[in-house]
Amino acid sequence: MSNDAHTATDRLPIPRLALIAIFVTALITSQVTAAKIVAVGLPFAVPLTGDLLLVPAAAFAYAVTFFASDCYAELYGRQAATQLVNVAFVMNFVLLGLVWLAISAPVFPESPVGQEQFSSVLGASTGVIAGSLLAYLISQNWDVIVFHRIRDYTDGKALWLRNLGSTITSQLIDTVIFITIAFVVFQGVPLSQAVGLIVGQYIIKLAIAVLDTPFVYATVGAVRNRANTSIVTTGD
Protein backbone atom coordinates (compact mmCIF):
# COMPACT_ATOMS: atom_id res chain seq x y z
CA MET A 1 0.00 0.00 0.00
CA SER A 2 1.32 3.46 -0.88
CA ASN A 3 2.16 6.17 1.62
CA ASP A 4 -0.77 8.21 0.26
CA ALA A 5 -3.12 5.34 1.06
CA HIS A 6 -1.76 5.11 4.59
CA THR A 7 -2.23 8.85 5.03
CA ALA A 8 -5.82 8.76 3.78
CA THR A 9 -6.67 5.88 6.10
CA ASP A 10 -5.05 7.58 9.08
CA ARG A 11 -7.16 10.67 8.52
CA LEU A 12 -10.50 8.84 8.67
CA PRO A 13 -10.82 8.76 12.51
CA ILE A 14 -10.19 12.51 12.90
CA PRO A 15 -13.83 13.65 12.42
CA ARG A 16 -15.03 10.97 14.81
CA LEU A 17 -12.48 11.98 17.42
CA ALA A 18 -13.43 15.62 16.91
CA LEU A 19 -17.11 14.92 17.61
CA ILE A 20 -16.20 12.94 20.72
CA ALA A 21 -13.98 15.82 21.86
CA ILE A 22 -16.74 18.38 21.24
CA PHE A 23 -19.26 16.27 23.16
CA VAL A 24 -17.02 15.71 26.18
CA THR A 25 -15.72 19.29 26.23
CA ALA A 26 -19.24 20.72 26.14
CA LEU A 27 -20.39 18.30 28.83
CA ILE A 28 -17.52 19.13 31.19
CA THR A 29 -17.94 22.85 30.54
CA SER A 30 -21.62 22.61 31.44
CA GLN A 31 -20.74 20.99 34.76
CA VAL A 32 -18.26 23.68 35.82
CA THR A 33 -20.42 26.61 34.67
CA ALA A 34 -23.68 25.49 36.29
CA ALA A 35 -23.26 27.77 39.32
CA LYS A 36 -23.78 31.01 37.39
CA ILE A 37 -27.31 32.16 36.55
CA VAL A 38 -27.64 34.17 33.35
CA ALA A 39 -30.43 36.67 32.66
CA VAL A 40 -31.53 36.79 29.02
CA GLY A 41 -33.75 39.73 28.14
CA LEU A 42 -36.55 39.38 25.59
CA PRO A 43 -38.26 42.09 23.50
CA PHE A 44 -41.59 40.57 24.51
CA ALA A 45 -43.16 38.91 27.54
CA VAL A 46 -43.52 35.15 27.85
CA PRO A 47 -46.16 33.50 30.07
CA LEU A 48 -44.75 32.42 33.46
CA THR A 49 -41.37 34.10 32.87
CA GLY A 50 -42.08 37.63 31.65
CA ASP A 51 -39.50 39.37 29.47
CA LEU A 52 -36.50 38.02 31.38
CA LEU A 53 -35.34 34.40 31.14
CA LEU A 54 -33.19 33.07 33.97
CA VAL A 55 -31.03 30.12 32.96
CA PRO A 56 -27.83 28.50 34.24
CA ALA A 57 -24.80 29.45 32.15
CA ALA A 58 -24.38 25.70 31.65
CA ALA A 59 -27.41 25.63 29.34
CA PHE A 60 -25.41 27.02 26.43
CA ALA A 61 -22.59 24.48 26.65
CA TYR A 62 -24.98 21.63 27.39
CA ALA A 63 -26.96 22.36 24.23
CA VAL A 64 -23.79 21.67 22.24
CA THR A 65 -23.76 18.07 23.52
CA PHE A 66 -27.01 17.38 21.65
CA PHE A 67 -25.54 18.82 18.46
CA ALA A 68 -22.50 16.56 18.80
CA SER A 69 -24.50 13.46 19.74
CA ASP A 70 -26.91 13.91 16.83
CA CYS A 71 -24.02 14.25 14.37
CA TYR A 72 -22.34 11.23 15.94
CA ALA A 73 -25.52 9.14 15.82
CA GLU A 74 -26.14 10.05 12.18
CA LEU A 75 -22.60 9.16 11.11
CA TYR A 76 -21.72 6.18 13.30
CA GLY A 77 -25.00 4.59 14.35
CA ARG A 78 -27.15 4.09 17.43
CA GLN A 79 -24.84 1.69 19.25
CA ALA A 80 -21.82 3.96 18.91
CA ALA A 81 -23.85 6.99 20.04
CA THR A 82 -25.19 5.13 23.07
CA GLN A 83 -21.65 4.11 24.01
CA LEU A 84 -20.51 7.72 23.73
CA VAL A 85 -23.32 8.94 25.98
CA ASN A 86 -22.77 6.29 28.66
CA VAL A 87 -18.97 6.54 28.71
CA ALA A 88 -19.26 10.32 29.03
CA PHE A 89 -21.67 9.78 31.94
CA VAL A 90 -18.95 7.88 33.78
CA MET A 91 -16.52 10.72 32.99
CA ASN A 92 -18.76 13.01 35.01
CA PHE A 93 -17.69 11.11 38.11
CA VAL A 94 -14.04 11.45 37.10
CA LEU A 95 -14.59 15.20 36.83
CA LEU A 96 -16.30 15.34 40.23
CA GLY A 97 -13.47 13.35 41.81
CA LEU A 98 -10.77 15.61 40.37
CA VAL A 99 -12.64 18.76 41.35
CA TRP A 100 -13.21 17.42 44.86
CA LEU A 101 -9.47 16.66 45.10
CA ALA A 102 -8.61 20.20 44.03
CA ILE A 103 -11.06 21.69 46.54
CA SER A 104 -9.78 19.48 49.37
CA ALA A 105 -6.12 20.26 48.75
CA PRO A 106 -4.62 22.80 51.19
CA VAL A 107 -4.57 26.31 49.76
CA PHE A 108 -1.37 28.38 49.56
CA PRO A 109 -1.81 31.42 51.86
CA GLU A 110 -0.88 33.85 49.08
CA SER A 111 -3.00 32.18 46.41
CA PRO A 112 -4.74 34.83 44.25
CA VAL A 113 -7.94 32.77 44.55
CA GLY A 114 -8.97 31.91 48.09
CA GLN A 115 -10.42 28.61 49.25
CA GLU A 116 -13.90 30.03 49.80
CA GLN A 117 -14.15 31.57 46.32
CA PHE A 118 -12.72 28.45 44.70
CA SER A 119 -15.17 26.18 46.51
CA SER A 120 -18.19 28.38 45.88
CA VAL A 121 -17.68 28.24 42.11
CA LEU A 122 -16.56 24.64 41.61
CA GLY A 123 -18.24 22.94 44.56
CA ALA A 124 -21.73 22.45 43.16
CA SER A 125 -24.47 21.51 45.61
CA THR A 126 -25.70 17.95 46.01
CA GLY A 127 -28.97 18.86 44.32
CA VAL A 128 -27.28 20.30 41.25
CA ILE A 129 -25.04 17.26 40.91
CA ALA A 130 -27.85 14.75 41.39
CA GLY A 131 -30.19 16.63 39.08
CA SER A 132 -27.67 17.11 36.30
CA LEU A 133 -26.45 13.50 36.33
CA LEU A 134 -29.92 11.94 36.30
CA ALA A 135 -31.17 14.41 33.69
CA TYR A 136 -28.15 13.72 31.51
CA LEU A 137 -28.42 9.94 31.67
CA ILE A 138 -32.12 9.86 30.78
CA SER A 139 -32.28 12.69 28.23
CA GLN A 140 -29.17 11.77 26.25
CA ASN A 141 -30.19 8.13 25.88
CA TRP A 142 -33.69 9.27 24.91
CA ASP A 143 -32.13 11.56 22.30
CA VAL A 144 -30.29 8.66 20.66
CA ILE A 145 -33.37 6.40 20.71
CA VAL A 146 -35.74 9.00 19.21
CA PHE A 147 -33.15 10.08 16.63
CA HIS A 148 -32.93 6.57 15.22
CA ARG A 149 -36.66 5.88 15.50
CA ILE A 150 -37.33 8.91 13.31
CA ARG A 151 -34.51 7.91 10.98
CA ASP A 152 -36.00 4.45 10.52
CA TYR A 153 -39.49 5.89 10.02
CA THR A 154 -38.30 8.31 7.31
CA ASP A 155 -35.96 5.79 5.64
CA GLY A 156 -32.93 7.90 6.40
CA LYS A 157 -34.41 11.09 4.94
CA ALA A 158 -35.20 14.42 6.61
CA LEU A 159 -32.15 14.82 8.84
CA TRP A 160 -33.64 18.09 10.09
CA LEU A 161 -36.69 16.24 11.43
CA ARG A 162 -34.76 13.70 13.49
CA ASN A 163 -32.33 16.36 14.70
CA LEU A 164 -35.12 18.63 15.91
CA GLY A 165 -37.48 15.86 17.01
CA SER A 166 -34.90 14.12 19.18
CA THR A 167 -33.35 17.29 20.59
CA ILE A 168 -36.59 19.12 21.37
CA THR A 169 -38.06 16.19 23.31
CA SER A 170 -34.85 15.24 25.09
CA GLN A 171 -34.16 18.85 26.11
CA LEU A 172 -37.63 19.06 27.64
CA ILE A 173 -37.01 15.87 29.63
CA ASP A 174 -33.61 17.15 30.72
CA THR A 175 -34.95 20.53 31.84
CA VAL A 176 -37.90 19.13 33.81
CA ILE A 177 -35.77 16.54 35.63
CA PHE A 178 -32.95 18.96 36.44
CA ILE A 179 -35.12 21.80 37.74
CA THR A 180 -37.35 19.44 39.72
CA ILE A 181 -34.49 17.70 41.51
CA ALA A 182 -32.01 20.57 41.89
CA PHE A 183 -34.47 23.30 42.87
CA VAL A 184 -37.78 21.79 44.02
CA VAL A 185 -36.59 18.67 45.85
CA PHE A 186 -33.29 19.94 47.30
CA GLN A 187 -33.91 23.68 47.65
CA GLY A 188 -37.66 23.80 48.26
CA VAL A 189 -38.38 26.25 45.44
CA PRO A 190 -42.18 26.68 45.03
CA LEU A 191 -43.63 24.80 42.10
CA SER A 192 -44.87 28.02 40.47
CA GLN A 193 -41.32 29.41 40.38
CA ALA A 194 -39.94 26.10 39.19
CA VAL A 195 -42.33 26.10 36.24
CA GLY A 196 -41.04 29.55 35.31
CA LEU A 197 -37.46 28.27 35.41
CA ILE A 198 -38.40 25.28 33.27
CA VAL A 199 -40.09 27.46 30.66
CA GLY A 200 -37.18 29.91 30.57
CA GLN A 201 -34.53 27.24 30.15
CA TYR A 202 -36.53 25.32 27.60
CA ILE A 203 -37.05 28.39 25.42
CA ILE A 204 -33.29 28.97 25.29
CA LYS A 205 -32.58 25.31 24.54
CA LEU A 206 -35.31 25.21 21.90
CA ALA A 207 -33.84 28.24 20.15
CA ILE A 208 -30.38 26.67 20.14
CA ALA A 209 -31.80 23.40 18.79
CA VAL A 210 -33.39 25.22 15.86
CA LEU A 211 -30.27 27.27 15.16
CA ASP A 212 -27.90 24.29 15.22
CA THR A 213 -29.77 22.35 12.49
CA PRO A 214 -27.80 23.91 9.59
CA PHE A 215 -24.58 23.10 11.44
CA VAL A 216 -25.66 19.47 11.80
CA TYR A 217 -26.22 19.30 8.04
CA ALA A 218 -22.88 20.98 7.36
CA THR A 219 -20.96 18.73 9.74
CA VAL A 220 -22.51 15.48 8.52
CA GLY A 221 -22.01 16.49 4.89
CA ALA A 222 -18.39 17.51 5.44
CA VAL A 223 -17.53 14.26 7.24
CA ARG A 224 -19.17 12.11 4.57
CA ASN A 225 -17.47 14.02 1.77
CA ARG A 226 -14.14 13.63 3.53
CA ALA A 227 -14.70 9.89 3.92
CA ASN A 228 -15.68 9.50 0.25
CA THR A 229 -12.65 11.49 -0.88
CA SER A 230 -10.36 9.37 1.28
CA ILE A 231 -11.82 6.14 -0.12
CA VAL A 232 -11.29 7.35 -3.69
CA THR A 233 -7.72 8.35 -2.87
CA THR A 234 -7.06 4.96 -1.30
CA GLY A 235 -8.49 3.18 -4.34
CA ASP A 236 -6.20 5.13 -6.65
C-alpha atoms as a PDB file:
ATOM      1  CA  MET A   1       0.000   0.000   0.000  1.00  0.00           C
ATOM      2  CA  SER A   2       1.319   3.461  -0.884  1.00  0.00           C
ATOM      3  CA  ASN A   3       2.165   6.173   1.623  1.00  0.00           C
ATOM      4  CA  ASP A   4      -0.773   8.211   0.265  1.00  0.00           C
ATOM      5  CA  ALA A   5      -3.123   5.344   1.065  1.00  0.00           C
ATOM      6  CA  HIS A   6      -1.756   5.111   4.592  1.00  0.00           C
ATOM      7  CA  THR A   7      -2.227   8.853   5.027  1.00  0.00           C
ATOM      8  CA  ALA A   8      -5.816   8.757   3.784  1.00  0.00           C
ATOM      9  CA  THR A   9      -6.673   5.883   6.103  1.00  0.00           C
ATOM     10  CA  ASP A  10      -5.053   7.578   9.078  1.00  0.00           C
ATOM     11  CA  ARG A  11      -7.161  10.672   8.523  1.00  0.00           C
ATOM     12  CA  LEU A  12     -10.499   8.844   8.674  1.00  0.00           C
ATOM     13  CA  PRO A  13     -10.819   8.760  12.506  1.00  0.00           C
ATOM     14  CA  ILE A  14     -10.194  12.507  12.898  1.00  0.00           C
ATOM     15  CA  PRO A  15     -13.831  13.651  12.421  1.00  0.00           C
ATOM     16  CA  ARG A  16     -15.029  10.968  14.809  1.00  0.00           C
ATOM     17  CA  LEU A  17     -12.482  11.983  17.422  1.00  0.00           C
ATOM     18  CA  ALA A  18     -13.434  15.624  16.910  1.00  0.00           C
ATOM     19  CA  LEU A  19     -17.114  14.922  17.611  1.00  0.00           C
ATOM     20  CA  ILE A  20     -16.195  12.943  20.724  1.00  0.00           C
ATOM     21  CA  ALA A  21     -13.980  15.824  21.858  1.00  0.00           C
ATOM     22  CA  ILE A  22     -16.744  18.384  21.244  1.00  0.00           C
ATOM     23  CA  PHE A  23     -19.261  16.266  23.157  1.00  0.00           C
ATOM     24  CA  VAL A  24     -17.023  15.706  26.184  1.00  0.00           C
ATOM     25  CA  THR A  25     -15.719  19.289  26.226  1.00  0.00           C
ATOM     26  CA  ALA A  26     -19.238  20.725  26.142  1.00  0.00           C
ATOM     27  CA  LEU A  27     -20.390  18.300  28.833  1.00  0.00           C
ATOM     28  CA  ILE A  28     -17.519  19.130  31.186  1.00  0.00           C
ATOM     29  CA  THR A  29     -17.938  22.847  30.539  1.00  0.00           C
ATOM     30  CA  SER A  30     -21.621  22.615  31.442  1.00  0.00           C
ATOM     31  CA  GLN A  31     -20.741  20.989  34.758  1.00  0.00           C
ATOM     32  CA  VAL A  32     -18.258  23.675  35.822  1.00  0.00           C
ATOM     33  CA  THR A  33     -20.417  26.614  34.674  1.00  0.00           C
ATOM     34  CA  ALA A  34     -23.679  25.490  36.289  1.00  0.00           C
ATOM     35  CA  ALA A  35     -23.263  27.765  39.324  1.00  0.00           C
ATOM     36  CA  LYS A  36     -23.781  31.008  37.389  1.00  0.00           C
ATOM     37  CA  ILE A  37     -27.309  32.162  36.550  1.00  0.00           C
ATOM     38  CA  VAL A  38     -27.644  34.175  33.353  1.00  0.00           C
ATOM     39  CA  ALA A  39     -30.435  36.673  32.665  1.00  0.00           C
ATOM     40  CA  VAL A  40     -31.529  36.790  29.022  1.00  0.00           C
ATOM     41  CA  GLY A  41     -33.752  39.730  28.139  1.00  0.00           C
ATOM     42  CA  LEU A  42     -36.553  39.381  25.588  1.00  0.00           C
ATOM     43  CA  PRO A  43     -38.255  42.092  23.503  1.00  0.00           C
ATOM     44  CA  PHE A  44     -41.594  40.573  24.509  1.00  0.00           C
ATOM     45  CA  ALA A  45     -43.157  38.910  27.541  1.00  0.00           C
ATOM     46  CA  VAL A  46     -43.515  35.146  27.846  1.00  0.00           C
ATOM     47  CA  PRO A  47     -46.155  33.495  30.068  1.00  0.00           C
ATOM     48  CA  LEU A  48     -44.751  32.416  33.458  1.00  0.00           C
ATOM     49  CA  THR A  49     -41.374  34.105  32.872  1.00  0.00           C
ATOM     50  CA  GLY A  50     -42.079  37.628  31.646  1.00  0.00           C
ATOM     51  CA  ASP A  51     -39.500  39.366  29.467  1.00  0.00           C
ATOM     52  CA  LEU A  52     -36.501  38.023  31.378  1.00  0.00           C
ATOM     53  CA  LEU A  53     -35.341  34.403  31.139  1.00  0.00           C
ATOM     54  CA  LEU A  54     -33.187  33.072  33.970  1.00  0.00           C
ATOM     55  CA  VAL A  55     -31.026  30.115  32.959  1.00  0.00           C
ATOM     56  CA  PRO A  56     -27.828  28.501  34.244  1.00  0.00           C
ATOM     57  CA  ALA A  57     -24.797  29.447  32.151  1.00  0.00           C
ATOM     58  CA  ALA A  58     -24.380  25.700  31.648  1.00  0.00           C
ATOM     59  CA  ALA A  59     -27.412  25.630  29.336  1.00  0.00           C
ATOM     60  CA  PHE A  60     -25.406  27.019  26.431  1.00  0.00           C
ATOM     61  CA  ALA A  61     -22.589  24.485  26.653  1.00  0.00           C
ATOM     62  CA  TYR A  62     -24.982  21.631  27.390  1.00  0.00           C
ATOM     63  CA  ALA A  63     -26.959  22.358  24.231  1.00  0.00           C
ATOM     64  CA  VAL A  64     -23.793  21.668  22.239  1.00  0.00           C
ATOM     65  CA  THR A  65     -23.762  18.074  23.521  1.00  0.00           C
ATOM     66  CA  PHE A  66     -27.008  17.383  21.652  1.00  0.00           C
ATOM     67  CA  PHE A  67     -25.543  18.817  18.459  1.00  0.00           C
ATOM     68  CA  ALA A  68     -22.500  16.557  18.801  1.00  0.00           C
ATOM     69  CA  SER A  69     -24.496  13.455  19.744  1.00  0.00           C
ATOM     70  CA  ASP A  70     -26.910  13.906  16.826  1.00  0.00           C
ATOM     71  CA  CYS A  71     -24.020  14.247  14.368  1.00  0.00           C
ATOM     72  CA  TYR A  72     -22.343  11.234  15.940  1.00  0.00           C
ATOM     73  CA  ALA A  73     -25.521   9.144  15.822  1.00  0.00           C
ATOM     74  CA  GLU A  74     -26.139  10.045  12.179  1.00  0.00           C
ATOM     75  CA  LEU A  75     -22.602   9.161  11.110  1.00  0.00           C
ATOM     76  CA  TYR A  76     -21.723   6.177  13.296  1.00  0.00           C
ATOM     77  CA  GLY A  77     -25.005   4.591  14.354  1.00  0.00           C
ATOM     78  CA  ARG A  78     -27.145   4.090  17.434  1.00  0.00           C
ATOM     79  CA  GLN A  79     -24.837   1.686  19.253  1.00  0.00           C
ATOM     80  CA  ALA A  80     -21.823   3.964  18.910  1.00  0.00           C
ATOM     81  CA  ALA A  81     -23.850   6.994  20.036  1.00  0.00           C
ATOM     82  CA  THR A  82     -25.186   5.131  23.073  1.00  0.00           C
ATOM     83  CA  GLN A  83     -21.652   4.105  24.015  1.00  0.00           C
ATOM     84  CA  LEU A  84     -20.513   7.721  23.730  1.00  0.00           C
ATOM     85  CA  VAL A  85     -23.318   8.944  25.985  1.00  0.00           C
ATOM     86  CA  ASN A  86     -22.773   6.293  28.657  1.00  0.00           C
ATOM     87  CA  VAL A  87     -18.970   6.540  28.711  1.00  0.00           C
ATOM     88  CA  ALA A  88     -19.259  10.319  29.034  1.00  0.00           C
ATOM     89  CA  PHE A  89     -21.670   9.777  31.941  1.00  0.00           C
ATOM     90  CA  VAL A  90     -18.949   7.881  33.781  1.00  0.00           C
ATOM     91  CA  MET A  91     -16.518  10.715  32.986  1.00  0.00           C
ATOM     92  CA  ASN A  92     -18.757  13.011  35.015  1.00  0.00           C
ATOM     93  CA  PHE A  93     -17.685  11.115  38.110  1.00  0.00           C
ATOM     94  CA  VAL A  94     -14.039  11.450  37.097  1.00  0.00           C
ATOM     95  CA  LEU A  95     -14.592  15.204  36.830  1.00  0.00           C
ATOM     96  CA  LEU A  96     -16.296  15.339  40.227  1.00  0.00           C
ATOM     97  CA  GLY A  97     -13.469  13.351  41.808  1.00  0.00           C
ATOM     98  CA  LEU A  98     -10.770  15.605  40.370  1.00  0.00           C
ATOM     99  CA  VAL A  99     -12.643  18.758  41.346  1.00  0.00           C
ATOM    100  CA  TRP A 100     -13.206  17.424  44.862  1.00  0.00           C
ATOM    101  CA  LEU A 101      -9.470  16.659  45.097  1.00  0.00           C
ATOM    102  CA  ALA A 102      -8.606  20.204  44.030  1.00  0.00           C
ATOM    103  CA  ILE A 103     -11.058  21.686  46.540  1.00  0.00           C
ATOM    104  CA  SER A 104      -9.784  19.476  49.369  1.00  0.00           C
ATOM    105  CA  ALA A 105      -6.122  20.264  48.745  1.00  0.00           C
ATOM    106  CA  PRO A 106      -4.622  22.803  51.191  1.00  0.00           C
ATOM    107  CA  VAL A 107      -4.566  26.309  49.756  1.00  0.00           C
ATOM    108  CA  PHE A 108      -1.375  28.384  49.561  1.00  0.00           C
ATOM    109  CA  PRO A 109      -1.811  31.417  51.864  1.00  0.00           C
ATOM    110  CA  GLU A 110      -0.878  33.850  49.084  1.00  0.00           C
ATOM    111  CA  SER A 111      -3.001  32.185  46.407  1.00  0.00           C
ATOM    112  CA  PRO A 112      -4.742  34.830  44.250  1.00  0.00           C
ATOM    113  CA  VAL A 113      -7.943  32.773  44.546  1.00  0.00           C
ATOM    114  CA  GLY A 114      -8.974  31.914  48.091  1.00  0.00           C
ATOM    115  CA  GLN A 115     -10.416  28.614  49.254  1.00  0.00           C
ATOM    116  CA  GLU A 116     -13.900  30.031  49.798  1.00  0.00           C
ATOM    117  CA  GLN A 117     -14.148  31.566  46.324  1.00  0.00           C
ATOM    118  CA  PHE A 118     -12.725  28.447  44.700  1.00  0.00           C
ATOM    119  CA  SER A 119     -15.170  26.175  46.513  1.00  0.00           C
ATOM    120  CA  SER A 120     -18.191  28.385  45.879  1.00  0.00           C
ATOM    121  CA  VAL A 121     -17.678  28.236  42.109  1.00  0.00           C
ATOM    122  CA  LEU A 122     -16.555  24.639  41.613  1.00  0.00           C
ATOM    123  CA  GLY A 123     -18.240  22.942  44.557  1.00  0.00           C
ATOM    124  CA  ALA A 124     -21.729  22.452  43.164  1.00  0.00           C
ATOM    125  CA  SER A 125     -24.467  21.515  45.609  1.00  0.00           C
ATOM    126  CA  THR A 126     -25.705  17.953  46.006  1.00  0.00           C
ATOM    127  CA  GLY A 127     -28.975  18.861  44.315  1.00  0.00           C
ATOM    128  CA  VAL A 128     -27.276  20.302  41.249  1.00  0.00           C
ATOM    129  CA  ILE A 129     -25.036  17.258  40.907  1.00  0.00           C
ATOM    130  CA  ALA A 130     -27.851  14.745  41.393  1.00  0.00           C
ATOM    131  CA  GLY A 131     -30.192  16.627  39.084  1.00  0.00           C
ATOM    132  CA  SER A 132     -27.672  17.107  36.303  1.00  0.00           C
ATOM    133  CA  LEU A 133     -26.449  13.497  36.333  1.00  0.00           C
ATOM    134  CA  LEU A 134     -29.920  11.944  36.297  1.00  0.00           C
ATOM    135  CA  ALA A 135     -31.172  14.409  33.693  1.00  0.00           C
ATOM    136  CA  TYR A 136     -28.149  13.718  31.506  1.00  0.00           C
ATOM    137  CA  LEU A 137     -28.423   9.942  31.672  1.00  0.00           C
ATOM    138  CA  ILE A 138     -32.118   9.862  30.778  1.00  0.00           C
ATOM    139  CA  SER A 139     -32.278  12.688  28.231  1.00  0.00           C
ATOM    140  CA  GLN A 140     -29.168  11.772  26.246  1.00  0.00           C
ATOM    141  CA  ASN A 141     -30.187   8.134  25.880  1.00  0.00           C
ATOM    142  CA  TRP A 142     -33.688   9.274  24.913  1.00  0.00           C
ATOM    143  CA  ASP A 143     -32.134  11.562  22.304  1.00  0.00           C
ATOM    144  CA  VAL A 144     -30.287   8.658  20.664  1.00  0.00           C
ATOM    145  CA  ILE A 145     -33.373   6.401  20.706  1.00  0.00           C
ATOM    146  CA  VAL A 146     -35.736   8.996  19.208  1.00  0.00           C
ATOM    147  CA  PHE A 147     -33.155  10.082  16.634  1.00  0.00           C
ATOM    148  CA  HIS A 148     -32.926   6.567  15.223  1.00  0.00           C
ATOM    149  CA  ARG A 149     -36.662   5.879  15.497  1.00  0.00           C
ATOM    150  CA  ILE A 150     -37.331   8.913  13.305  1.00  0.00           C
ATOM    151  CA  ARG A 151     -34.512   7.913  10.977  1.00  0.00           C
ATOM    152  CA  ASP A 152     -36.004   4.452  10.516  1.00  0.00           C
ATOM    153  CA  TYR A 153     -39.493   5.887  10.018  1.00  0.00           C
ATOM    154  CA  THR A 154     -38.302   8.308   7.308  1.00  0.00           C
ATOM    155  CA  ASP A 155     -35.959   5.787   5.635  1.00  0.00           C
ATOM    156  CA  GLY A 156     -32.931   7.904   6.405  1.00  0.00           C
ATOM    157  CA  LYS A 157     -34.409  11.086   4.937  1.00  0.00           C
ATOM    158  CA  ALA A 158     -35.204  14.421   6.606  1.00  0.00           C
ATOM    159  CA  LEU A 159     -32.151  14.815   8.841  1.00  0.00           C
ATOM    160  CA  TRP A 160     -33.639  18.089  10.094  1.00  0.00           C
ATOM    161  CA  LEU A 161     -36.686  16.236  11.425  1.00  0.00           C
ATOM    162  CA  ARG A 162     -34.757  13.704  13.495  1.00  0.00           C
ATOM    163  CA  ASN A 163     -32.326  16.365  14.695  1.00  0.00           C
ATOM    164  CA  LEU A 164     -35.124  18.632  15.908  1.00  0.00           C
ATOM    165  CA  GLY A 165     -37.478  15.863  17.015  1.00  0.00           C
ATOM    166  CA  SER A 166     -34.902  14.124  19.179  1.00  0.00           C
ATOM    167  CA  THR A 167     -33.349  17.290  20.588  1.00  0.00           C
ATOM    168  CA  ILE A 168     -36.592  19.119  21.367  1.00  0.00           C
ATOM    169  CA  THR A 169     -38.064  16.194  23.308  1.00  0.00           C
ATOM    170  CA  SER A 170     -34.848  15.244  25.090  1.00  0.00           C
ATOM    171  CA  GLN A 171     -34.156  18.851  26.113  1.00  0.00           C
ATOM    172  CA  LEU A 172     -37.632  19.058  27.637  1.00  0.00           C
ATOM    173  CA  ILE A 173     -37.010  15.873  29.626  1.00  0.00           C
ATOM    174  CA  ASP A 174     -33.605  17.152  30.724  1.00  0.00           C
ATOM    175  CA  THR A 175     -34.951  20.527  31.837  1.00  0.00           C
ATOM    176  CA  VAL A 176     -37.897  19.133  33.806  1.00  0.00           C
ATOM    177  CA  ILE A 177     -35.771  16.545  35.634  1.00  0.00           C
ATOM    178  CA  PHE A 178     -32.948  18.963  36.440  1.00  0.00           C
ATOM    179  CA  ILE A 179     -35.123  21.804  37.741  1.00  0.00           C
ATOM    180  CA  THR A 180     -37.352  19.441  39.724  1.00  0.00           C
ATOM    181  CA  ILE A 181     -34.488  17.700  41.506  1.00  0.00           C
ATOM    182  CA  ALA A 182     -32.014  20.565  41.890  1.00  0.00           C
ATOM    183  CA  PHE A 183     -34.473  23.297  42.872  1.00  0.00           C
ATOM    184  CA  VAL A 184     -37.781  21.792  44.016  1.00  0.00           C
ATOM    185  CA  VAL A 185     -36.588  18.672  45.853  1.00  0.00           C
ATOM    186  CA  PHE A 186     -33.292  19.939  47.299  1.00  0.00           C
ATOM    187  CA  GLN A 187     -33.913  23.677  47.650  1.00  0.00           C
ATOM    188  CA  GLY A 188     -37.658  23.804  48.258  1.00  0.00           C
ATOM    189  CA  VAL A 189     -38.385  26.248  45.443  1.00  0.00           C
ATOM    190  CA  PRO A 190     -42.175  26.683  45.025  1.00  0.00           C
ATOM    191  CA  LEU A 191     -43.628  24.803  42.097  1.00  0.00           C
ATOM    192  CA  SER A 192     -44.866  28.016  40.471  1.00  0.00           C
ATOM    193  CA  GLN A 193     -41.322  29.414  40.375  1.00  0.00           C
ATOM    194  CA  ALA A 194     -39.937  26.101  39.188  1.00  0.00           C
ATOM    195  CA  VAL A 195     -42.329  26.101  36.238  1.00  0.00           C
ATOM    196  CA  GLY A 196     -41.036  29.546  35.306  1.00  0.00           C
ATOM    197  CA  LEU A 197     -37.455  28.267  35.408  1.00  0.00           C
ATOM    198  CA  ILE A 198     -38.400  25.277  33.267  1.00  0.00           C
ATOM    199  CA  VAL A 199     -40.095  27.462  30.664  1.00  0.00           C
ATOM    200  CA  GLY A 200     -37.183  29.905  30.566  1.00  0.00           C
ATOM    201  CA  GLN A 201     -34.531  27.236  30.147  1.00  0.00           C
ATOM    202  CA  TYR A 202     -36.527  25.321  27.595  1.00  0.00           C
ATOM    203  CA  ILE A 203     -37.048  28.391  25.417  1.00  0.00           C
ATOM    204  CA  ILE A 204     -33.287  28.966  25.294  1.00  0.00           C
ATOM    205  CA  LYS A 205     -32.576  25.306  24.544  1.00  0.00           C
ATOM    206  CA  LEU A 206     -35.312  25.214  21.905  1.00  0.00           C
ATOM    207  CA  ALA A 207     -33.842  28.240  20.151  1.00  0.00           C
ATOM    208  CA  ILE A 208     -30.384  26.671  20.137  1.00  0.00           C
ATOM    209  CA  ALA A 209     -31.803  23.399  18.788  1.00  0.00           C
ATOM    210  CA  VAL A 210     -33.385  25.224  15.856  1.00  0.00           C
ATOM    211  CA  LEU A 211     -30.270  27.270  15.157  1.00  0.00           C
ATOM    212  CA  ASP A 212     -27.902  24.291  15.218  1.00  0.00           C
ATOM    213  CA  THR A 213     -29.773  22.349  12.491  1.00  0.00           C
ATOM    214  CA  PRO A 214     -27.802  23.914   9.591  1.00  0.00           C
ATOM    215  CA  PHE A 215     -24.579  23.099  11.442  1.00  0.00           C
ATOM    216  CA  VAL A 216     -25.659  19.470  11.798  1.00  0.00           C
ATOM    217  CA  TYR A 217     -26.221  19.298   8.041  1.00  0.00           C
ATOM    218  CA  ALA A 218     -22.877  20.983   7.355  1.00  0.00           C
ATOM    219  CA  THR A 219     -20.965  18.730   9.742  1.00  0.00           C
ATOM    220  CA  VAL A 220     -22.512  15.477   8.519  1.00  0.00           C
ATOM    221  CA  GLY A 221     -22.015  16.493   4.894  1.00  0.00           C
ATOM    222  CA  ALA A 222     -18.395  17.506   5.444  1.00  0.00           C
ATOM    223  CA  VAL A 223     -17.530  14.261   7.239  1.00  0.00           C
ATOM    224  CA  ARG A 224     -19.173  12.114   4.571  1.00  0.00           C
ATOM    225  CA  ASN A 225     -17.471  14.023   1.773  1.00  0.00           C
ATOM    226  CA  ARG A 226     -14.143  13.633   3.526  1.00  0.00           C
ATOM    227  CA  ALA A 227     -14.702   9.894   3.918  1.00  0.00           C
ATOM    228  CA  ASN A 228     -15.677   9.500   0.255  1.00  0.00           C
ATOM    229  CA  THR A 229     -12.648  11.494  -0.882  1.00  0.00           C
ATOM    230  CA  SER A 230     -10.359   9.368   1.282  1.00  0.00           C
ATOM    231  CA  ILE A 231     -11.821   6.145  -0.119  1.00  0.00           C
ATOM    232  CA  VAL A 232     -11.292   7.355  -3.689  1.00  0.00           C
ATOM    233  CA  THR A 233      -7.719   8.350  -2.872  1.00  0.00           C
ATOM    234  CA  THR A 234      -7.056   4.959  -1.303  1.00  0.00           C
ATOM    235  CA  GLY A 235      -8.489   3.185  -4.343  1.00  0.00           C
ATOM    236  CA  ASP A 236      -6.198   5.131  -6.655  1.00  0.00           C
END
